[in-house]
């Protein structure tokens, strides 16, 4: 069994690099799966990160000035990740960090209502029952946080989750991904956030989708059998019909599509393949219908290439899908 203090140090290092372009997701998944202590340590670090973020405005004025050894007290403009490396440079702070995260019962029990954070590895899904009785199934290679108690607010930083939500007019469940809010109206639905894209599909009931903080009047309503594919950076959204029986097939180890844009398929494959998959402009108009078997994720691109007129290039750790015959 791994020493918990060592696991905390390793978890802090992984957490510091989650936004790095050279993040080794395969190694991270293997580390999480290697020992239950690793997962417990990582959950503690992620929750502590969220708690510090909430308390940062109150903490910053109390810290002494130290020009020689800067300590992370605010988030960077380009990242939501605390700079754990800076914290680790101070022996006193590192010891304090260990004291904060070692006690049991931290997750979801603080007076500041710290979110519960769930991270899954490359071959792992996870089922969670929320405080309001709704159920959430988290896909592989995902990072999801839950706050809000009886009216949950769920943030999908990356990956996918399926939701089975009971109808209750007294509360609203919100799923936040890529700058968009999905509000349930008593339903079953999927939300995917990957490769700079967000996809929402509904198998039962209906949901409203709108930019976070936007005008409710601008919300798009999706009913059973409908999906919405969003590219937030370009403010592009495309509605499409989906087979309700095929939604969430990733739970059974497959990806099932009916006329899905290739960009949506590529975003899904990125979650499993261990490398970002992008669609070049020459193949942007292609759509895919069929079933891909997930397995360990390593053969998904090959399965796609076998049925679509595309060619595959690997550049700097990224996979590019282009139309066959293009240059």
Protein backbone atom coordinates (compact mmCIF):
# COMPACT_ATOMS: atom_id res chain seq x y z
CA UNK A 1 0.00 0.00 0.00
CA UNK A 2 1.31 3.44 -0.94
CA UNK A 3 2.29 5.88 1.82
CA UNK A 4 -0.44 8.55 1.87
CA UNK A 5 2.00 11.43 2.27
CA UNK A 6 3.90 10.31 -0.86
CA UNK A 7 0.63 9.91 -2.72
CA UNK A 8 -0.34 13.47 -1.77
CA UNK A 9 2.91 14.81 -3.24
CA UNK A 10 2.36 12.87 -6.46
CA UNK A 11 -1.29 13.94 -6.65
CA UNK A 12 -0.33 17.60 -6.29
CA UNK A 13 2.15 17.21 -9.14
CA UNK A 14 -0.45 15.58 -11.42
CA UNK A 15 -2.99 18.27 -10.56
CA UNK A 16 -0.51 21.02 -11.41
CA UNK A 17 0.00 19.59 -14.89
CA UNK A 18 -3.61 18.83 -15.92
CA UNK A 19 -3.74 21.89 -18.19
CA UNK A 20 -0.27 21.29 -19.67
CA UNK A 21 -0.21 20.48 -23.40
CA UNK A 22 2.24 17.63 -22.71
CA UNK A 23 0.10 16.09 -19.95
CA UNK A 24 0.55 12.29 -20.08
CA UNK A 25 -3.06 11.12 -19.69
CA UNK A 26 -2.16 7.45 -20.10
CA UNK A 27 0.34 7.63 -17.24
CA UNK A 28 -2.12 9.61 -15.12
CA UNK A 29 -4.84 6.99 -15.63
CA UNK A 30 -2.45 4.16 -14.79
CA UNK A 31 -1.32 6.02 -11.64
CA UNK A 32 -4.93 6.50 -10.51
CA UNK A 33 -5.72 2.83 -11.05
CA UNK A 34 -2.54 1.49 -9.45
CA UNK A 35 -3.65 1.99 -5.83
CA UNK A 36 -6.87 3.17 -4.10
CA UNK A 37 -4.69 5.51 -2.04
CA UNK A 38 -3.79 7.40 -5.24
CA UNK A 39 -7.43 8.18 -6.00
CA UNK A 40 -8.13 9.24 -2.42
CA UNK A 41 -5.07 11.51 -2.47
CA UNK A 42 -6.03 13.08 -5.79
CA UNK A 43 -9.62 13.71 -4.66
CA UNK A 44 -8.30 15.49 -1.56
CA UNK A 45 -5.97 17.69 -3.64
CA UNK A 46 -8.72 18.59 -6.12
CA UNK A 47 -11.15 19.50 -3.35
CA UNK A 48 -8.53 21.54 -1.52
CA UNK A 49 -7.82 23.39 -4.77
CA UNK A 50 -11.48 24.33 -5.02
CA UNK A 51 -11.61 25.44 -1.38
CA UNK A 52 -8.53 27.63 -1.73
CA UNK A 53 -10.02 29.15 -4.88
CA UNK A 54 -13.16 30.11 -3.00
CA UNK A 55 -11.16 31.59 -0.11
CA UNK A 56 -8.43 33.30 -2.19
CA UNK A 57 -9.81 36.86 -1.91
CA UNK A 58 -9.81 36.60 1.90
CA UNK A 59 -6.41 34.85 2.12
CA UNK A 60 -4.37 37.14 -0.13
CA UNK A 61 -4.33 40.27 2.12
CA UNK A 62 -3.20 38.17 5.10
CA UNK A 63 -0.07 36.76 3.44
CA UNK A 64 3.29 38.48 4.14
CA UNK A 65 5.18 40.00 1.27
CA UNK A 66 7.99 37.77 0.00
CA UNK A 67 9.74 38.93 -3.13
CA UNK A 68 12.22 36.06 -3.13
CA UNK A 69 9.79 33.16 -2.95
CA UNK A 70 6.43 33.84 -4.60
CA UNK A 71 3.53 31.76 -3.32
CA UNK A 72 0.42 30.99 -5.37
CA UNK A 73 -2.43 33.07 -3.98
CA UNK A 74 -4.36 33.78 -7.15
CA UNK A 75 -5.26 31.95 -10.29
CA UNK A 76 -3.48 32.73 -13.53
CA UNK A 77 -5.42 34.51 -16.24
CA UNK A 78 -5.06 31.62 -18.67
CA UNK A 79 -5.69 28.69 -16.36
CA UNK A 80 -8.05 27.55 -13.64
CA UNK A 81 -5.29 25.43 -12.12
CA UNK A 82 -3.54 26.44 -8.90
CA UNK A 83 0.22 26.51 -9.22
CA UNK A 84 0.98 23.68 -6.84
CA UNK A 85 4.64 23.73 -7.90
CA UNK A 86 5.02 27.16 -6.29
CA UNK A 87 3.42 25.91 -3.10
CA UNK A 88 5.72 22.88 -2.99
CA UNK A 89 8.83 25.09 -2.95
CA UNK A 90 8.12 26.04 0.64
CA UNK A 91 8.75 23.35 3.25
CA UNK A 92 6.41 24.99 5.74
CA UNK A 93 3.64 25.29 3.18
CA UNK A 94 4.13 21.72 1.98
CA UNK A 95 3.82 20.49 5.57
CA UNK A 96 0.68 22.57 6.01
CA UNK A 97 -0.74 21.13 2.81
CA UNK A 98 -0.22 17.60 4.13
CA UNK A 99 -1.95 18.51 7.40
CA UNK A 100 -4.91 19.93 5.51
CA UNK A 101 -5.51 16.95 3.25
CA UNK A 102 -4.72 13.95 5.43
CA UNK A 103 -7.79 14.04 7.74
CA UNK A 104 -10.64 11.84 6.53
CA UNK A 105 -14.08 13.16 5.67
CA UNK A 106 -12.94 16.31 3.89
CA UNK A 107 -14.71 15.71 0.60
CA UNK A 108 -18.05 17.47 0.48
CA UNK A 109 -18.22 18.12 4.22
CA UNK A 110 -16.66 21.55 4.67
CA UNK A 111 -18.71 24.47 5.90
CA UNK A 112 -17.86 26.27 2.66
CA UNK A 113 -19.65 23.52 0.65
CA UNK A 114 -16.53 22.52 -1.28
CA UNK A 115 -17.42 20.61 -4.44
CA UNK A 116 -16.93 16.88 -4.74
CA UNK A 117 -14.47 16.16 -7.55
CA UNK A 118 -14.44 12.92 -9.54
CA UNK A 119 -11.62 11.91 -11.89
CA UNK A 120 -11.68 8.70 -13.93
CA UNK A 121 -8.78 6.89 -15.60
CA UNK A 122 -8.49 5.44 -19.11
CA UNK A 123 -10.43 2.24 -18.40
CA UNK A 124 -12.75 3.39 -15.63
CA UNK A 125 -16.31 4.67 -15.44
CA UNK A 126 -17.94 5.79 -12.21
CA UNK A 127 -21.54 5.93 -10.97
CA UNK A 128 -22.56 8.69 -8.53
CA UNK A 129 -25.89 9.30 -6.79
CA UNK A 130 -26.41 13.03 -6.26
CA UNK A 131 -27.88 14.64 -3.16
CA UNK A 132 -31.23 15.20 -4.89
CA UNK A 133 -31.50 11.51 -5.83
CA UNK A 134 -30.46 11.96 -9.46
CA UNK A 135 -27.87 9.58 -10.91
CA UNK A 136 -24.72 10.47 -12.83
CA UNK A 137 -22.58 8.01 -14.80
CA UNK A 138 -19.09 9.42 -15.55
CA UNK A 139 -17.18 8.25 -18.61
CA UNK A 140 -13.50 7.33 -18.88
CA UNK A 141 -10.83 10.07 -18.77
CA UNK A 142 -13.23 12.59 -17.27
CA UNK A 143 -13.03 15.25 -14.56
CA UNK A 144 -16.34 16.30 -13.02
CA UNK A 145 -17.12 18.42 -9.94
CA UNK A 146 -20.42 18.56 -8.07
CA UNK A 147 -21.65 21.31 -5.73
CA UNK A 148 -24.97 22.81 -4.68
CA UNK A 149 -26.49 20.02 -2.59
CA UNK A 150 -30.18 19.58 -3.36
CA UNK A 151 -29.96 21.83 -6.44
CA UNK A 152 -26.76 20.46 -7.97
CA UNK A 153 -24.36 22.40 -10.15
CA UNK A 154 -22.15 19.98 -12.06
CA UNK A 155 -19.09 21.13 -13.99
CA UNK A 156 -17.54 18.91 -16.64
CA UNK A 157 -13.99 20.14 -17.09
CA UNK A 158 -13.34 17.37 -19.59
CA UNK A 159 -14.90 14.10 -20.64
CA UNK A 160 -18.53 13.02 -20.51
CA UNK A 161 -21.33 12.09 -18.16
CA UNK A 162 -24.85 10.72 -18.46
CA UNK A 163 -27.63 11.97 -16.19
CA UNK A 164 -30.88 10.38 -15.04
CA UNK A 165 -32.76 13.20 -13.30
CA UNK A 166 -36.05 12.85 -11.44
CA UNK A 167 -38.67 15.50 -12.05
CA UNK A 168 -38.88 17.99 -9.15
CA UNK A 169 -40.24 21.52 -9.78
CA UNK A 170 -38.67 22.72 -6.51
CA UNK A 171 -35.10 22.40 -7.74
CA UNK A 172 -33.00 22.82 -10.89
CA UNK A 173 -30.01 20.69 -11.84
CA UNK A 174 -27.41 22.53 -13.93
CA UNK A 175 -24.61 20.90 -15.92
CA UNK A 176 -21.91 23.38 -16.93
CA UNK A 177 -19.46 22.65 -19.77
CA UNK A 178 -17.40 24.85 -22.09
CA UNK A 179 -19.16 28.06 -21.03
CA UNK A 180 -22.67 26.64 -21.50
CA UNK A 181 -25.33 25.63 -18.98
CA UNK A 182 -27.61 22.66 -19.49
CA UNK A 183 -30.71 22.86 -17.27
CA UNK A 184 -32.71 19.69 -16.89
CA UNK A 185 -36.48 19.55 -16.96
CA UNK A 186 -36.72 15.98 -15.59
CA UNK A 187 -34.92 13.80 -18.10
CA UNK A 188 -32.09 11.52 -19.23
CA UNK A 189 -29.31 13.16 -21.19
CA UNK A 190 -25.60 13.16 -22.04
CA UNK A 191 -23.11 16.04 -21.91
CA UNK A 192 -19.66 15.77 -23.50
CA UNK A 193 -16.86 18.37 -23.23
CA UNK A 194 -13.73 17.60 -25.25
CA UNK A 195 -11.44 19.14 -27.89
CA UNK A 196 -13.01 22.57 -27.46
CA UNK A 197 -16.48 21.23 -28.26
CA UNK A 198 -19.61 20.56 -26.24
CA UNK A 199 -22.25 18.01 -27.22
CA UNK A 200 -25.64 17.57 -25.53
CA UNK A 201 -27.96 14.68 -26.42
CA UNK A 202 -31.34 13.85 -24.87
CA UNK A 203 -32.84 10.38 -24.58
CA UNK A 204 -35.88 11.25 -22.41
CA UNK A 205 -37.65 14.48 -21.44
CA UNK A 206 -36.06 17.80 -22.36
CA UNK A 207 -33.30 20.23 -21.39
CA UNK A 208 -32.54 23.92 -21.94
CA UNK A 209 -29.09 24.92 -23.21
CA UNK A 210 -27.76 28.48 -22.98
CA UNK A 211 -24.45 30.32 -22.53
CA UNK A 212 -23.47 30.60 -18.86
CA UNK A 213 -24.77 33.91 -17.52
CA UNK A 214 -26.68 34.57 -20.73
CA UNK A 215 -30.26 35.67 -21.26
CA UNK A 216 -32.66 32.78 -20.46
CA UNK A 217 -34.70 33.88 -23.46
CA UNK A 218 -31.82 32.76 -25.68
CA UNK A 219 -31.95 29.17 -24.39
CA UNK A 220 -32.34 26.31 -26.84
CA UNK A 221 -34.73 23.55 -25.81
CA UNK A 222 -33.81 19.98 -26.74
CA UNK A 223 -36.37 17.19 -26.56
CA UNK A 224 -35.88 13.42 -26.60
CA UNK A 225 -34.13 12.34 -29.77
CA UNK A 226 -32.36 15.67 -30.30
CA UNK A 227 -28.75 16.76 -29.87
CA UNK A 228 -26.83 20.02 -29.98
CA UNK A 229 -23.18 20.23 -31.05
CA UNK A 230 -21.45 23.44 -29.92
CA UNK A 231 -18.07 24.98 -30.74
CA UNK A 232 -17.92 27.68 -28.02
CA UNK A 233 -14.86 29.50 -29.43
CA UNK A 234 -16.69 30.10 -32.72
CA UNK A 235 -20.15 30.50 -31.16
CA UNK A 236 -21.43 27.83 -33.54
CA UNK A 237 -24.19 25.39 -32.59
CA UNK A 238 -25.79 22.71 -34.75
CA UNK A 239 -28.95 20.85 -33.83
CA UNK A 240 -29.32 17.25 -35.04
CA UNK A 241 -31.62 14.28 -34.64
CA UNK A 242 -30.31 11.32 -32.63
CA UNK A 243 -31.61 7.85 -31.87
CA UNK A 244 -32.58 7.95 -28.16
CA UNK A 245 -31.69 4.26 -27.79
CA UNK A 246 -28.10 4.93 -28.90
CA UNK A 247 -27.33 7.71 -26.40
CA UNK A 248 -24.80 6.76 -23.70
CA UNK A 249 -23.67 3.61 -25.52
CA UNK A 250 -20.18 4.40 -24.17
CA UNK A 251 -21.41 2.85 -20.93
CA UNK A 252 -21.46 -0.48 -22.80
CA UNK A 253 -18.06 0.10 -24.42
CA UNK A 254 -19.10 1.38 -27.82
CA UNK A 255 -19.73 4.66 -29.67
CA UNK A 256 -22.85 4.64 -31.84
CA UNK A 257 -23.44 7.37 -34.44
CA UNK A 258 -26.10 8.22 -36.98
CA UNK A 259 -24.96 10.99 -39.28
CA UNK A 260 -22.75 12.68 -36.69
CA UNK A 261 -20.32 15.38 -37.87
CA UNK A 262 -16.76 14.08 -38.02
CA UNK A 263 -15.70 16.79 -35.55
CA UNK A 264 -18.04 15.29 -32.92
CA UNK A 265 -16.66 11.81 -33.54
CA UNK A 266 -13.08 13.14 -33.31
CA UNK A 267 -13.84 14.83 -29.98
CA UNK A 268 -15.19 11.54 -28.63
CA UNK A 269 -12.16 9.58 -29.86
CA UNK A 270 -9.84 12.10 -28.21
CA UNK A 271 -11.26 11.11 -24.82
CA UNK A 272 -10.16 7.52 -25.27
CA UNK A 273 -7.17 7.54 -27.62
CA UNK A 274 -4.75 9.40 -25.33
CA UNK A 275 -4.03 12.07 -27.97
CA UNK A 276 -6.04 15.03 -29.32
CA UNK A 277 -7.80 14.22 -32.60
CA UNK A 278 -8.54 17.12 -34.95
CA UNK A 279 -10.43 17.34 -38.23
CA UNK A 280 -8.72 19.29 -41.02
CA UNK A 281 -10.80 21.62 -43.17
CA UNK A 282 -10.70 19.16 -46.08
CA UNK A 283 -12.72 16.64 -44.03
CA UNK A 284 -14.91 19.09 -42.10
CA UNK A 285 -18.02 18.18 -44.12
CA UNK A 286 -17.82 14.44 -43.51
CA UNK A 287 -20.37 12.65 -41.34
CA UNK A 288 -20.25 9.22 -39.81
CA UNK A 289 -22.87 6.53 -39.21
CA UNK A 290 -21.85 3.31 -37.52
CA UNK A 291 -20.48 1.76 -34.36
CA UNK A 292 -16.94 2.06 -32.97
CA UNK A 293 -15.72 -0.33 -30.27
CA UNK A 294 -13.87 1.59 -27.56
CA UNK A 295 -11.60 -1.13 -26.11
CA UNK A 296 -8.48 0.56 -24.76
CA UNK A 297 -8.96 3.45 -27.22
CA UNK A 298 -5.91 2.65 -29.33
CA UNK A 299 -7.82 1.33 -32.37
CA UNK A 300 -10.60 3.88 -32.66
CA UNK A 301 -8.90 5.96 -35.36
CA UNK A 302 -8.13 2.79 -37.35
CA UNK A 303 -11.78 1.73 -37.16
CA UNK A 304 -12.86 5.14 -38.44
CA UNK A 305 -10.31 5.13 -41.27
CA UNK A 306 -11.58 1.72 -42.41
CA UNK A 307 -15.03 3.09 -43.27
CA UNK A 308 -14.45 6.76 -44.15
CA UNK A 309 -12.41 8.28 -47.02
CA UNK A 310 -9.86 9.89 -44.72
CA UNK A 311 -6.13 9.83 -44.18
CA UNK A 312 -4.44 10.14 -40.81
CA UNK A 313 -1.40 12.23 -39.90
CA UNK A 314 0.30 12.37 -36.52
CA UNK A 315 2.06 15.67 -35.79
CA UNK A 316 3.58 16.68 -32.43
CA UNK A 317 1.52 14.17 -30.49
CA UNK A 318 -1.74 15.19 -32.21
CA UNK A 319 -3.79 13.20 -34.73
CA UNK A 320 -5.14 15.00 -37.81
CA UNK A 321 -7.93 13.58 -39.95
CA UNK A 322 -7.96 14.85 -43.55
CA UNK A 323 -9.94 13.88 -46.63
CA UNK A 324 -8.31 11.13 -48.65
CA UNK A 325 -6.38 12.60 -51.56
CA UNK A 326 -6.02 16.04 -49.95
CA UNK A 327 -2.59 17.59 -49.49
